[in-house]
C-alpha atoms as a PDB file:
ATOM      1  CA  MET A   1      -7.354 -34.279 -11.414  1.00  0.00           C
ATOM      2  CA  ASP A   2     -10.293 -34.939  -9.183  1.00  0.00           C
ATOM      3  CA  ARG A   3     -13.421 -32.745  -9.511  1.00  0.00           C
ATOM      4  CA  LYS A   4     -12.242 -30.451  -6.630  1.00  0.00           C
ATOM      5  CA  SER A   5      -8.953 -29.841  -8.284  1.00  0.00           C
ATOM      6  CA  ILE A   6     -10.582 -29.174 -11.460  1.00  0.00           C
ATOM      7  CA  VAL A   7     -12.999 -26.680  -9.941  1.00  0.00           C
ATOM      8  CA  GLN A   8     -10.120 -24.579  -8.438  1.00  0.00           C
ATOM      9  CA  PHE A   9      -8.549 -24.680 -11.816  1.00  0.00           C
ATOM     10  CA  THR A  10     -11.514 -23.349 -13.668  1.00  0.00           C
ATOM     11  CA  HIS A  11     -13.270 -21.042 -11.040  1.00  0.00           C
ATOM     12  CA  ARG A  12     -10.304 -19.939  -8.739  1.00  0.00           C
ATOM     13  CA  ALA A  13      -8.049 -17.904 -10.884  1.00  0.00           C
ATOM     14  CA  ASP A  14      -5.993 -16.411  -8.171  1.00  0.00           C
ATOM     15  CA  ASN A  15      -2.810 -15.922 -10.371  1.00  0.00           C
ATOM     16  CA  PHE A  16      -4.904 -13.309 -12.484  1.00  0.00           C
ATOM     17  CA  LEU A  17      -5.553 -11.110  -8.941  1.00  0.00           C
ATOM     18  CA  GLU A  18      -1.986 -10.080  -8.310  1.00  0.00           C
ATOM     19  CA  ILE A  19      -0.278  -6.576  -8.504  1.00  0.00           C
ATOM     20  CA  GLY A  20       2.035  -8.187 -11.295  1.00  0.00           C
ATOM     21  CA  ASN A  21      -0.890  -8.869 -13.432  1.00  0.00           C
ATOM     22  CA  SER A  22      -1.356  -5.717 -15.707  1.00  0.00           C
ATOM     23  CA  THR A  23      -5.225  -6.096 -15.800  1.00  0.00           C
ATOM     24  CA  TYR A  24      -5.598  -6.313 -12.144  1.00  0.00           C
ATOM     25  CA  LYS A  25      -3.143  -3.393 -11.817  1.00  0.00           C
ATOM     26  CA  GLN A  26      -5.220  -1.115 -13.883  1.00  0.00           C
ATOM     27  CA  TRP A  27      -8.241  -1.963 -11.386  1.00  0.00           C
ATOM     28  CA  VAL A  28      -6.135  -1.070  -8.433  1.00  0.00           C
ATOM     29  CA  PHE A  29      -4.851   2.095 -10.225  1.00  0.00           C
ATOM     30  CA  ARG A  30      -8.671   3.054 -10.753  1.00  0.00           C
ATOM     31  CA  TYR A  31      -9.740   2.962  -7.033  1.00  0.00           C
ATOM     32  CA  THR A  32      -6.399   4.397  -5.719  1.00  0.00           C
ATOM     33  CA  PHE A  33      -4.561   6.923  -7.794  1.00  0.00           C
ATOM     34  CA  LEU A  34      -7.473   7.947 -10.002  1.00  0.00           C
ATOM     35  CA  GLU A  35      -9.732   8.269  -6.727  1.00  0.00           C
ATOM     36  CA  LEU A  36      -7.124  10.460  -5.211  1.00  0.00           C
ATOM     37  CA  GLU A  37      -6.779  12.757  -8.273  1.00  0.00           C
ATOM     38  CA  LYS A  38     -10.559  13.186  -8.455  1.00  0.00           C
ATOM     39  CA  ASP A  39     -10.932  13.935  -4.683  1.00  0.00           C
ATOM     40  CA  LEU A  40      -7.956  16.505  -4.811  1.00  0.00           C
ATOM     41  CA  GLY A  41      -9.259  18.281  -7.983  1.00  0.00           C
ATOM     42  CA  THR A  42      -7.530  21.269  -9.082  1.00  0.00           C
ATOM     43  CA  LYS A  43      -7.462  22.900  -5.688  1.00  0.00           C
ATOM     44  CA  GLY A  44      -6.305  20.085  -3.510  1.00  0.00           C
ATOM     45  CA  ASP A  45      -6.978  19.497   0.093  1.00  0.00           C
ATOM     46  CA  VAL A  46      -8.098  23.011   1.053  1.00  0.00           C
ATOM     47  CA  SER A  47      -8.926  21.962   4.576  1.00  0.00           C
ATOM     48  CA  THR A  48      -5.287  20.847   5.558  1.00  0.00           C
ATOM     49  CA  ASP A  49      -3.801  23.676   3.327  1.00  0.00           C
ATOM     50  CA  LEU A  50      -5.715  26.210   5.565  1.00  0.00           C
ATOM     51  CA  LEU A  51      -4.279  24.770   8.971  1.00  0.00           C
ATOM     52  CA  PHE A  52      -0.774  23.739   7.763  1.00  0.00           C
ATOM     53  CA  ALA A  53       0.016  26.113   5.250  1.00  0.00           C
ATOM     54  CA  ASP A  54       3.308  27.037   6.913  1.00  0.00           C
ATOM     55  CA  GLY A  55       5.063  23.990   5.393  1.00  0.00           C
ATOM     56  CA  LYS A  56       6.027  20.246   5.660  1.00  0.00           C
ATOM     57  CA  PHE A  57       6.145  18.019   8.952  1.00  0.00           C
ATOM     58  CA  GLN A  58       5.757  14.433   9.354  1.00  0.00           C
ATOM     59  CA  ILE A  59       2.941  12.771  11.387  1.00  0.00           C
ATOM     60  CA  THR A  60       1.687   9.088  11.811  1.00  0.00           C
ATOM     61  CA  GLY A  61      -1.740   7.821  11.452  1.00  0.00           C
ATOM     62  CA  LYS A  62      -2.821   4.258  12.506  1.00  0.00           C
ATOM     63  CA  ILE A  63      -5.619   2.480  10.716  1.00  0.00           C
ATOM     64  CA  VAL A  64      -7.696   0.978  13.358  1.00  0.00           C
ATOM     65  CA  SER A  65     -10.377  -1.770  12.942  1.00  0.00           C
ATOM     66  CA  ARG A  66     -13.935  -1.003  14.363  1.00  0.00           C
ATOM     67  CA  SER A  67     -15.230  -4.331  13.260  1.00  0.00           C
ATOM     68  CA  GLU A  68     -14.313  -8.236  13.585  1.00  0.00           C
ATOM     69  CA  GLY A  69     -13.537  -9.919  10.376  1.00  0.00           C
ATOM     70  CA  ILE A  70     -11.105 -10.794   7.723  1.00  0.00           C
ATOM     71  CA  VAL A  71      -8.625  -7.791   6.486  1.00  0.00           C
ATOM     72  CA  ALA A  72      -8.330  -7.442   2.774  1.00  0.00           C
ATOM     73  CA  GLY A  73      -6.694  -4.639   0.755  1.00  0.00           C
ATOM     74  CA  VAL A  74      -3.315  -4.564   2.476  1.00  0.00           C
ATOM     75  CA  SER A  75      -1.241  -5.529  -0.590  1.00  0.00           C
ATOM     76  CA  GLU A  76      -3.203  -2.912  -2.739  1.00  0.00           C
ATOM     77  CA  ILE A  77      -2.505  -0.038  -0.410  1.00  0.00           C
ATOM     78  CA  LYS A  78       1.251  -1.195  -0.091  1.00  0.00           C
ATOM     79  CA  TYR A  79       1.243  -0.924  -4.029  1.00  0.00           C
ATOM     80  CA  PHE A  80      -0.477   2.624  -3.955  1.00  0.00           C
ATOM     81  CA  LEU A  81       1.711   4.282  -1.283  1.00  0.00           C
ATOM     82  CA  VAL A  82       4.894   2.412  -1.322  1.00  0.00           C
ATOM     83  CA  ASP A  83       5.749   0.284  -4.317  1.00  0.00           C
ATOM     84  CA  SER A  84       4.233   2.208  -7.385  1.00  0.00           C
ATOM     85  CA  ASP A  85       6.081   4.863  -9.177  1.00  0.00           C
ATOM     86  CA  SER A  86       6.034   8.256  -7.372  1.00  0.00           C
ATOM     87  CA  ASN A  87       5.105   9.772 -10.696  1.00  0.00           C
ATOM     88  CA  PHE A  88       1.562   8.213 -10.506  1.00  0.00           C
ATOM     89  CA  ARG A  89       1.089  10.572  -7.291  1.00  0.00           C
ATOM     90  CA  PRO A  90       1.787  13.955  -8.828  1.00  0.00           C
ATOM     91  CA  SER A  91      -0.354  15.703  -6.087  1.00  0.00           C
ATOM     92  CA  LEU A  92       1.806  14.416  -3.199  1.00  0.00           C
ATOM     93  CA  LYS A  93       5.311  15.722  -1.588  1.00  0.00           C
ATOM     94  CA  GLY A  94       6.898  12.602  -0.563  1.00  0.00           C
ATOM     95  CA  PRO A  95       7.387   9.126   0.675  1.00  0.00           C
ATOM     96  CA  PHE A  96       5.158   6.888   2.825  1.00  0.00           C
ATOM     97  CA  ASP A  97       6.546   4.778   5.477  1.00  0.00           C
ATOM     98  CA  ILE A  98       4.093   2.002   6.458  1.00  0.00           C
ATOM     99  CA  ASN A  99       4.420  -0.566   9.265  1.00  0.00           C
ATOM    100  CA  PHE A 100       1.983  -3.111   8.390  1.00  0.00           C
ATOM    101  CA  LYS A 101       0.639  -4.916  11.470  1.00  0.00           C
ATOM    102  CA  VAL A 102      -1.467  -7.504   9.598  1.00  0.00           C
ATOM    103  CA  ASN A 103      -1.665  -9.279   6.205  1.00  0.00           C
ATOM    104  CA  ASP A 104      -4.382 -10.114   3.739  1.00  0.00           C
ATOM    105  CA  GLY A 105      -6.428 -12.793   5.189  1.00  0.00           C
ATOM    106  CA  ASP A 106      -5.820 -12.134   8.780  1.00  0.00           C
ATOM    107  CA  PHE A 107      -8.704 -12.029  11.432  1.00  0.00           C
ATOM    108  CA  VAL A 108      -9.096  -9.020  13.277  1.00  0.00           C
ATOM    109  CA  LYS A 109     -11.198  -7.498  16.134  1.00  0.00           C
ATOM    110  CA  ALA A 110     -12.314  -4.124  16.811  1.00  0.00           C
ATOM    111  CA  GLY A 111      -9.509  -2.063  18.127  1.00  0.00           C
ATOM    112  CA  ASP A 112      -6.626  -4.021  16.164  1.00  0.00           C
ATOM    113  CA  VAL A 113      -4.343  -2.021  14.404  1.00  0.00           C
ATOM    114  CA  ILE A 114      -4.053  -2.753  10.673  1.00  0.00           C
ATOM    115  CA  MET A 115      -1.127  -0.457   9.668  1.00  0.00           C
ATOM    116  CA  GLU A 116       0.719   2.499  10.555  1.00  0.00           C
ATOM    117  CA  ILE A 117       1.390   5.234   8.297  1.00  0.00           C
ATOM    118  CA  THR A 118       4.137   8.030   8.488  1.00  0.00           C
ATOM    119  CA  ALA A 119       4.236  10.771   5.983  1.00  0.00           C
ATOM    120  CA  ASP A 120       3.976  14.480   5.451  1.00  0.00           C
ATOM    121  CA  VAL A 121       0.741  15.939   7.065  1.00  0.00           C
ATOM    122  CA  HIS A 122      -0.523  17.095   3.664  1.00  0.00           C
ATOM    123  CA  ASP A 123      -0.180  13.507   2.183  1.00  0.00           C
ATOM    124  CA  LEU A 124      -1.309  11.306   4.906  1.00  0.00           C
ATOM    125  CA  LEU A 125      -4.601  13.483   5.209  1.00  0.00           C
ATOM    126  CA  ALA A 126      -5.040  13.560   1.534  1.00  0.00           C
ATOM    127  CA  VAL A 127      -4.715   9.820   1.108  1.00  0.00           C
ATOM    128  CA  GLU A 128      -6.825   8.892   4.177  1.00  0.00           C
ATOM    129  CA  ARG A 129     -10.199   8.378   2.649  1.00  0.00           C
ATOM    130  CA  VAL A 130      -9.032   6.590  -0.401  1.00  0.00           C
ATOM    131  CA  VAL A 131      -6.997   4.071   1.934  1.00  0.00           C
ATOM    132  CA  LEU A 132      -9.693   3.606   4.271  1.00  0.00           C
ATOM    133  CA  ASN A 133     -12.576   3.139   1.409  1.00  0.00           C
ATOM    134  CA  LEU A 134     -10.309   0.494  -0.310  1.00  0.00           C
ATOM    135  CA  LEU A 135      -9.643  -1.454   2.948  1.00  0.00           C
ATOM    136  CA  MET A 136     -13.277  -1.250   4.374  1.00  0.00           C
ATOM    137  CA  ARG A 137     -14.558  -2.400   0.899  1.00  0.00           C
ATOM    138  CA  MET A 138     -12.601  -5.435   0.590  1.00  0.00           C
ATOM    139  CA  SER A 139     -12.601  -6.353   4.004  1.00  0.00           C
ATOM    140  CA  SER A 140     -16.292  -6.188   4.190  1.00  0.00           C
ATOM    141  CA  VAL A 141     -16.367  -8.624   0.841  1.00  0.00           C
ATOM    142  CA  ALA A 142     -13.970 -10.837   2.316  1.00  0.00           C
ATOM    143  CA  THR A 143     -15.432 -11.155   5.684  1.00  0.00           C
ATOM    144  CA  PHE A 144     -18.977 -11.712   4.243  1.00  0.00           C
ATOM    145  CA  THR A 145     -17.577 -14.448   1.857  1.00  0.00           C
ATOM    146  CA  GLY A 146     -15.887 -15.975   4.888  1.00  0.00           C
ATOM    147  CA  LYS A 147     -18.874 -16.402   6.916  1.00  0.00           C
ATOM    148  CA  ILE A 148     -20.713 -18.227   3.620  1.00  0.00           C
ATOM    149  CA  VAL A 149     -17.663 -20.406   3.378  1.00  0.00           C
ATOM    150  CA  ASP A 150     -17.525 -21.209   7.137  1.00  0.00           C
ATOM    151  CA  LEU A 151     -21.120 -21.741   7.119  1.00  0.00           C
ATOM    152  CA  VAL A 152     -21.031 -24.275   4.243  1.00  0.00           C
ATOM    153  CA  ARG A 153     -17.881 -25.942   5.606  1.00  0.00           C
ATOM    154  CA  ASN A 154     -19.189 -26.471   9.076  1.00  0.00           C
ATOM    155  CA  SER A 155     -22.519 -27.955   7.796  1.00  0.00           C
ATOM    156  CA  ALA A 156     -20.533 -30.418   5.566  1.00  0.00           C
ATOM    157  CA  ASN A 157     -18.313 -31.379   8.571  1.00  0.00           C
ATOM    158  CA  GLU A 158     -21.633 -32.075  10.755  1.00  0.00           C
ATOM    159  CA  SER A 159     -23.352 -34.056   7.907  1.00  0.00           C
ATOM    160  CA  SER A 160     -22.716 -37.799   6.790  1.00  0.00           C
ATOM    161  CA  GLU A 161     -24.279 -37.679   3.457  1.00  0.00           C
ATOM    162  CA  GLY A 162     -21.033 -38.059   1.534  1.00  0.00           C
ATOM    163  CA  SER A 163     -20.307 -36.130  -1.791  1.00  0.00           C
ATOM    164  CA  ALA A 164     -23.713 -34.381  -1.530  1.00  0.00           C
ATOM    165  CA  ASN A 165     -22.919 -32.707   1.670  1.00  0.00           C
ATOM    166  CA  GLY A 166     -21.268 -29.733   0.191  1.00  0.00           C
ATOM    167  CA  SER A 167     -17.816 -30.471   1.324  1.00  0.00           C
ATOM    168  CA  ASN A 168     -16.302 -29.789  -2.084  1.00  0.00           C
ATOM    169  CA  VAL A 169     -18.466 -26.804  -3.305  1.00  0.00           C
ATOM    170  CA  LEU A 170     -16.542 -23.698  -4.104  1.00  0.00           C
ATOM    171  CA  ILE A 171     -18.255 -20.418  -3.430  1.00  0.00           C
ATOM    172  CA  VAL A 172     -17.727 -17.755  -5.793  1.00  0.00           C
ATOM    173  CA  PRO A 173     -19.038 -14.311  -6.951  1.00  0.00           C
ATOM    174  CA  THR A 174     -20.767 -13.296 -10.208  1.00  0.00           C
ATOM    175  CA  ARG A 175     -19.806 -10.237 -12.215  1.00  0.00           C
ATOM    176  CA  LYS A 176     -22.089  -8.177 -10.409  1.00  0.00           C
ATOM    177  CA  THR A 177     -19.485  -6.378  -8.688  1.00  0.00           C
ATOM    178  CA  LEU A 178     -19.208  -2.551  -7.539  1.00  0.00           C
ATOM    179  CA  TRP A 179     -15.637  -2.713  -7.388  1.00  0.00           C
ATOM    180  CA  GLY A 180     -14.674  -4.740 -10.185  1.00  0.00           C
ATOM    181  CA  LEU A 181     -11.585  -7.201  -9.930  1.00  0.00           C
ATOM    182  CA  LEU A 182     -10.727  -5.900  -6.254  1.00  0.00           C
ATOM    183  CA  ASP A 183     -14.357  -7.438  -5.170  1.00  0.00           C
ATOM    184  CA  LYS A 184     -13.344 -10.702  -6.884  1.00  0.00           C
ATOM    185  CA  LYS A 185     -10.042 -10.483  -5.184  1.00  0.00           C
ATOM    186  CA  ALA A 186     -11.645  -9.910  -1.785  1.00  0.00           C
ATOM    187  CA  VAL A 187     -13.954 -13.018  -2.309  1.00  0.00           C
ATOM    188  CA  LEU A 188     -10.663 -14.998  -2.792  1.00  0.00           C
ATOM    189  CA  ILE A 189      -9.205 -13.623   0.405  1.00  0.00           C
ATOM    190  CA  GLY A 190     -12.407 -14.586   2.118  1.00  0.00           C
ATOM    191  CA  GLY A 191     -11.980 -18.222   1.132  1.00  0.00           C
ATOM    192  CA  GLY A 192     -14.037 -18.120  -2.152  1.00  0.00           C
ATOM    193  CA  GLY A 193     -13.113 -18.647  -5.826  1.00  0.00           C
ATOM    194  CA  THR A 194     -13.319 -15.894  -8.571  1.00  0.00           C
ATOM    195  CA  HIS A 195     -15.540 -17.471 -11.447  1.00  0.00           C
ATOM    196  CA  ARG A 196     -14.834 -15.555 -14.796  1.00  0.00           C
ATOM    197  CA  ILE A 197     -12.572 -12.761 -14.479  1.00  0.00           C
ATOM    198  CA  SER A 198     -13.572 -10.983 -17.694  1.00  0.00           C
ATOM    199  CA  LEU A 199     -15.112 -11.364 -21.089  1.00  0.00           C
ATOM    200  CA  THR A 200     -11.750 -12.897 -22.476  1.00  0.00           C
ATOM    201  CA  ASP A 201     -10.518 -15.508 -19.999  1.00  0.00           C
ATOM    202  CA  ALA A 202     -13.456 -17.951 -20.392  1.00  0.00           C
ATOM    203  CA  ILE A 203     -16.589 -18.729 -22.360  1.00  0.00           C
ATOM    204  CA  ILE A 204     -20.091 -18.386 -20.809  1.00  0.00           C
ATOM    205  CA  LEU A 205     -23.115 -18.616 -22.990  1.00  0.00           C
ATOM    206  CA  LYS A 206     -26.007 -17.130 -21.459  1.00  0.00           C
ATOM    207  CA  ASP A 207     -29.529 -16.731 -22.001  1.00  0.00           C
ATOM    208  CA  THR A 208     -29.158 -13.696 -24.236  1.00  0.00           C
ATOM    209  CA  HIS A 209     -26.813 -15.830 -26.509  1.00  0.00           C
ATOM    210  CA  LEU A 210     -28.898 -18.886 -26.410  1.00  0.00           C
ATOM    211  CA  ASP A 211     -32.189 -16.861 -27.177  1.00  0.00           C
ATOM    212  CA  ILE A 212     -30.650 -15.804 -30.462  1.00  0.00           C
ATOM    213  CA  LEU A 213     -30.179 -19.156 -31.608  1.00  0.00           C
ATOM    214  CA  LYS A 214     -33.665 -20.244 -30.355  1.00  0.00           C
ATOM    215  CA  ARG A 215     -32.038 -22.404 -27.588  1.00  0.00           C
ATOM    216  CA  ASN A 216     -31.122 -25.095 -30.240  1.00  0.00           C
ATOM    217  CA  PHE A 217     -28.229 -26.804 -28.773  1.00  0.00           C
ATOM    218  CA  ASP A 218     -27.520 -28.919 -31.694  1.00  0.00           C
ATOM    219  CA  ASP A 219     -26.741 -25.321 -33.468  1.00  0.00           C
ATOM    220  CA  VAL A 220     -25.054 -24.406 -30.105  1.00  0.00           C
ATOM    221  CA  PHE A 221     -22.482 -27.385 -29.948  1.00  0.00           C
ATOM    222  CA  ALA A 222     -21.927 -27.371 -33.572  1.00  0.00           C
ATOM    223  CA  ARG A 223     -20.583 -23.743 -33.396  1.00  0.00           C
ATOM    224  CA  ILE A 224     -18.598 -24.709 -30.289  1.00  0.00           C
ATOM    225  CA  GLU A 225     -17.171 -27.633 -32.098  1.00  0.00           C
ATOM    226  CA  LYS A 226     -16.155 -25.512 -35.079  1.00  0.00           C
ATOM    227  CA  GLY A 227     -14.947 -22.329 -33.213  1.00  0.00           C
ATOM    228  CA  GLU A 228     -12.013 -21.572 -30.843  1.00  0.00           C
ATOM    229  CA  ASN A 229     -12.903 -23.282 -27.505  1.00  0.00           C
ATOM    230  CA  ASP A 230      -9.593 -23.479 -25.810  1.00  0.00           C
ATOM    231  CA  PHE A 231      -9.989 -21.387 -22.505  1.00  0.00           C
ATOM    232  CA  ARG A 232     -10.144 -22.266 -18.957  1.00  0.00           C
ATOM    233  CA  PHE A 233     -13.865 -23.357 -18.971  1.00  0.00           C
ATOM    234  CA  LEU A 234     -16.858 -23.167 -21.337  1.00  0.00           C
ATOM    235  CA  GLU A 235     -20.245 -22.962 -19.535  1.00  0.00           C
ATOM    236  CA  ILE A 236     -23.706 -22.883 -20.513  1.00  0.00           C
ATOM    237  CA  GLU A 237     -26.681 -21.359 -18.922  1.00  0.00           C
ATOM    238  CA  VAL A 238     -29.705 -23.684 -18.675  1.00  0.00           C
ATOM    239  CA  ASP A 239     -32.911 -23.266 -16.589  1.00  0.00           C
ATOM    240  CA  ASN A 240     -34.515 -26.765 -16.357  1.00  0.00           C
ATOM    241  CA  GLN A 241     -33.698 -30.277 -15.955  1.00  0.00           C
ATOM    242  CA  LYS A 242     -34.228 -31.268 -19.451  1.00  0.00           C
ATOM    243  CA  GLU A 243     -31.488 -28.721 -20.630  1.00  0.00           C
ATOM    244  CA  VAL A 244     -29.238 -29.850 -17.816  1.00  0.00           C
ATOM    245  CA  VAL A 245     -29.141 -33.484 -19.146  1.00  0.00           C
ATOM    246  CA  GLU A 246     -29.024 -32.383 -22.711  1.00  0.00           C
ATOM    247  CA  VAL A 247     -26.122 -30.019 -22.548  1.00  0.00           C
ATOM    248  CA  ALA A 248     -24.196 -32.161 -20.087  1.00  0.00           C
ATOM    249  CA  GLU A 249     -24.537 -35.122 -22.491  1.00  0.00           C
ATOM    250  CA  LYS A 250     -23.321 -32.918 -25.386  1.00  0.00           C
ATOM    251  CA  PHE A 251     -20.376 -31.546 -23.568  1.00  0.00           C
ATOM    252  CA  SER A 252     -19.359 -35.208 -22.634  1.00  0.00           C
ATOM    253  CA  GLU A 253     -19.670 -36.210 -26.040  1.00  0.00           C
ATOM    254  CA  LEU A 254     -17.472 -33.514 -27.402  1.00  0.00           C
ATOM    255  CA  THR A 255     -14.855 -34.263 -24.492  1.00  0.00           C
ATOM    256  CA  LYS A 256     -14.631 -37.815 -25.264  1.00  0.00           C
ATOM    257  CA  ASN A 257     -14.166 -37.237 -28.856  1.00  0.00           C
ATOM    258  CA  ASN A 258     -11.421 -34.649 -27.938  1.00  0.00           C
ATOM    259  CA  LYS A 259     -13.313 -31.757 -29.529  1.00  0.00           C
ATOM    260  CA  LEU A 260     -13.402 -29.712 -26.691  1.00  0.00           C
ATOM    261  CA  ASN A 261     -10.317 -27.916 -25.425  1.00  0.00           C
ATOM    262  CA  SER A 262     -12.267 -26.414 -22.288  1.00  0.00           C
ATOM    263  CA  ILE A 263     -13.734 -27.887 -19.193  1.00  0.00           C
ATOM    264  CA  GLY A 264     -17.663 -27.967 -19.778  1.00  0.00           C
ATOM    265  CA  VAL A 265     -19.756 -26.334 -17.074  1.00  0.00           C
ATOM    266  CA  VAL A 266     -23.513 -26.505 -16.778  1.00  0.00           C
ATOM    267  CA  MET A 267     -24.759 -23.561 -14.900  1.00  0.00           C
ATOM    268  CA  MET A 268     -28.547 -23.957 -13.529  1.00  0.00           C
ATOM    269  CA  ASP A 269     -29.744 -20.463 -13.285  1.00  0.00           C
ATOM    270  CA  ASN A 270     -32.694 -19.471 -11.020  1.00  0.00           C
ATOM    271  CA  MET A 271     -33.581 -23.176 -10.514  1.00  0.00           C
ATOM    272  CA  SER A 272     -34.984 -23.800  -6.943  1.00  0.00           C
ATOM    273  CA  ALA A 273     -32.774 -26.095  -4.827  1.00  0.00           C
ATOM    274  CA  ALA A 274     -35.150 -28.735  -5.172  1.00  0.00           C
ATOM    275  CA  GLU A 275     -35.245 -28.629  -9.084  1.00  0.00           C
ATOM    276  CA  VAL A 276     -30.999 -28.331  -8.812  1.00  0.00           C
ATOM    277  CA  SER A 277     -31.292 -31.396  -6.455  1.00  0.00           C
ATOM    278  CA  GLU A 278     -33.423 -33.420  -8.941  1.00  0.00           C
ATOM    279  CA  ALA A 279     -31.430 -32.644 -11.817  1.00  0.00           C
ATOM    280  CA  MET A 280     -27.975 -33.565 -10.195  1.00  0.00           C
ATOM    281  CA  GLN A 281     -29.510 -36.695  -9.077  1.00  0.00           C
ATOM    282  CA  ASP A 282     -30.385 -37.417 -12.818  1.00  0.00           C
ATOM    283  CA  VAL A 283     -26.858 -36.575 -14.279  1.00  0.00           C
ATOM    284  CA  GLN A 284     -25.067 -38.210 -11.421  1.00  0.00           C
ATOM    285  CA  SER A 285     -26.755 -41.599 -12.703  1.00  0.00           C
ATOM    286  CA  ARG A 286     -25.423 -40.972 -16.409  1.00  0.00           C
ATOM    287  CA  ALA A 287     -21.969 -41.502 -17.741  1.00  0.00           C
ATOM    288  CA  CYS A 288     -21.598 -37.773 -18.719  1.00  0.00           C
ATOM    289  CA  TYR A 289     -21.343 -36.700 -15.183  1.00  0.00           C
ATOM    290  CA  ASP A 290     -17.745 -37.496 -14.826  1.00  0.00           C
ATOM    291  CA  ASP A 291     -16.870 -35.203 -17.747  1.00  0.00           C
ATOM    292  CA  VAL A 292     -18.856 -32.064 -16.671  1.00  0.00           C
ATOM    293  CA  LEU A 293     -18.972 -29.576 -13.832  1.00  0.00           C
ATOM    294  CA  PHE A 294     -22.359 -28.233 -12.480  1.00  0.00           C
ATOM    295  CA  GLU A 295     -22.891 -24.934 -11.042  1.00  0.00           C
ATOM    296  CA  ALA A 296     -26.015 -23.239  -9.310  1.00  0.00           C
ATOM    297  CA  SER A 297     -26.549 -19.528  -9.490  1.00  0.00           C
ATOM    298  CA  GLY A 298     -29.368 -16.900  -9.178  1.00  0.00           C
ATOM    299  CA  GLY A 299     -31.292 -15.954  -6.030  1.00  0.00           C
ATOM    300  CA  ILE A 300     -28.813 -17.842  -3.731  1.00  0.00           C
ATOM    301  CA  THR A 301     -28.265 -16.206  -0.266  1.00  0.00           C
ATOM    302  CA  GLY A 302     -26.715 -16.865   3.025  1.00  0.00           C
ATOM    303  CA  GLU A 303     -30.362 -18.141   4.125  1.00  0.00           C
ATOM    304  CA  ASN A 304     -30.586 -20.932   1.360  1.00  0.00           C
ATOM    305  CA  VAL A 305     -27.011 -21.612   0.417  1.00  0.00           C
ATOM    306  CA  LEU A 306     -27.153 -24.767   2.326  1.00  0.00           C
ATOM    307  CA  GLU A 307     -29.881 -26.098   0.387  1.00  0.00           C
ATOM    308  CA  TYR A 308     -27.961 -25.532  -2.689  1.00  0.00           C
ATOM    309  CA  ALA A 309     -24.700 -26.873  -1.414  1.00  0.00           C
ATOM    310  CA  ARG A 310     -26.323 -30.183  -0.382  1.00  0.00           C
ATOM    311  CA  THR A 311     -27.524 -30.862  -4.048  1.00  0.00           C
ATOM    312  CA  GLY A 312     -24.100 -31.996  -5.138  1.00  0.00           C
ATOM    313  CA  VAL A 313     -23.153 -29.088  -7.260  1.00  0.00           C
ATOM    314  CA  ASP A 314     -19.355 -28.147  -7.830  1.00  0.00           C
ATOM    315  CA  VAL A 315     -19.733 -24.501  -7.656  1.00  0.00           C
ATOM    316  CA  ILE A 316     -22.210 -21.952  -6.409  1.00  0.00           C
ATOM    317  CA  SER A 317     -22.179 -18.319  -7.548  1.00  0.00           C
ATOM    318  CA  MET A 318     -23.767 -15.790  -5.261  1.00  0.00           C
ATOM    319  CA  GLY A 319     -24.275 -12.116  -6.575  1.00  0.00           C
ATOM    320  CA  CYS A 320     -24.874 -11.070  -2.830  1.00  0.00           C
ATOM    321  CA  LEU A 321     -21.147 -11.765  -2.113  1.00  0.00           C
ATOM    322  CA  THR A 322     -20.163  -8.409  -3.838  1.00  0.00           C
ATOM    323  CA  ARG A 323     -23.548  -6.526  -3.981  1.00  0.00           C
ATOM    324  CA  SER A 324     -25.119  -6.083  -0.414  1.00  0.00           C
ATOM    325  CA  VAL A 325     -22.624  -6.919   2.126  1.00  0.00           C
ATOM    326  CA  PRO A 326     -22.394  -5.382   5.714  1.00  0.00           C
ATOM    327  CA  ASN A 327     -19.851  -2.736   6.029  1.00  0.00           C
ATOM    328  CA  PHE A 328     -16.469  -3.442   7.767  1.00  0.00           C
ATOM    329  CA  ASP A 329     -15.737  -0.069   9.506  1.00  0.00           C
ATOM    330  CA  MET A 330     -12.298   1.328   9.992  1.00  0.00           C
ATOM    331  CA  GLY A 331     -10.835   4.616  10.901  1.00  0.00           C
ATOM    332  CA  MET A 332      -7.657   6.615  11.014  1.00  0.00           C
ATOM    333  CA  GLU A 333      -6.058   8.035  14.200  1.00  0.00           C
ATOM    334  CA  VAL A 334      -3.396  10.143  14.535  1.00  0.00           C
ATOM    335  CA  VAL A 335      -0.429   9.158  16.813  1.00  0.00           C
ATOM    336  CA  LEU A 336       0.305  12.140  19.125  1.00  0.00           C
END
């Protein structure tokens, strides 16, 4: 595989973020069924019950975009209201009939209809806020990610600097997520990657690990060699050029000796773009470069991402993708 394909394998784990994956389904459950039950409490929707206490009747509500951007969360809502076991929704009376107007990843403008939901009045008004919150959150993250990805891609297309123009760099989130794996799925829909899904699917040795071993990389790699290291990737966080080179060369040595069963990744954390660029020029002149991936992380935003993209790194991780995104507004309108 070429470097781009390897990065897609290591840092874009889209197969984890499907409803069919039990771990991801638990996260969807958390932000749909559990949110609904917490919202209804022990008394239910007292406002709707007050006005419509005389029985059941069907209404249709349409979810309308009030913003422009990328829609995400459609498959999660479909699972929540249509495909899941109705026993998960004990507080609701009946089925939901949904006419989906767009798919995940589609671009919409203000005024566009996302979906139309027909259900009992009590049911529809009970789930309104849960549905809107999920769609708005995931669409906010997807839209912001899409803007960052487009910024980097468009800049690369205008550049003639070859491999260092950022054309192959993958934009990924960190684990600083407010909505857990739903945030990572939204980044994926926006055109980014996933990075590590959980503590179990890849190894990242951070400062807190390394400081315990007094940043003795001989000791670190001896432990790596002796331990189980067969994961999607094995990443080590460094914070200066000397460590970048040392860790990259040790990764390369293990790889060439068939003692590393993961892809080795060097994460340059909280280094300036100039420092990352200098470190990349150093390792690109060495034999170890072809055996290792390189990531920039820490303090990277929409304002400086192009500086990092042009350094030649393979991956850029950005906490802002899921931590401080502009709101994608939506609302529900009753069809009369």
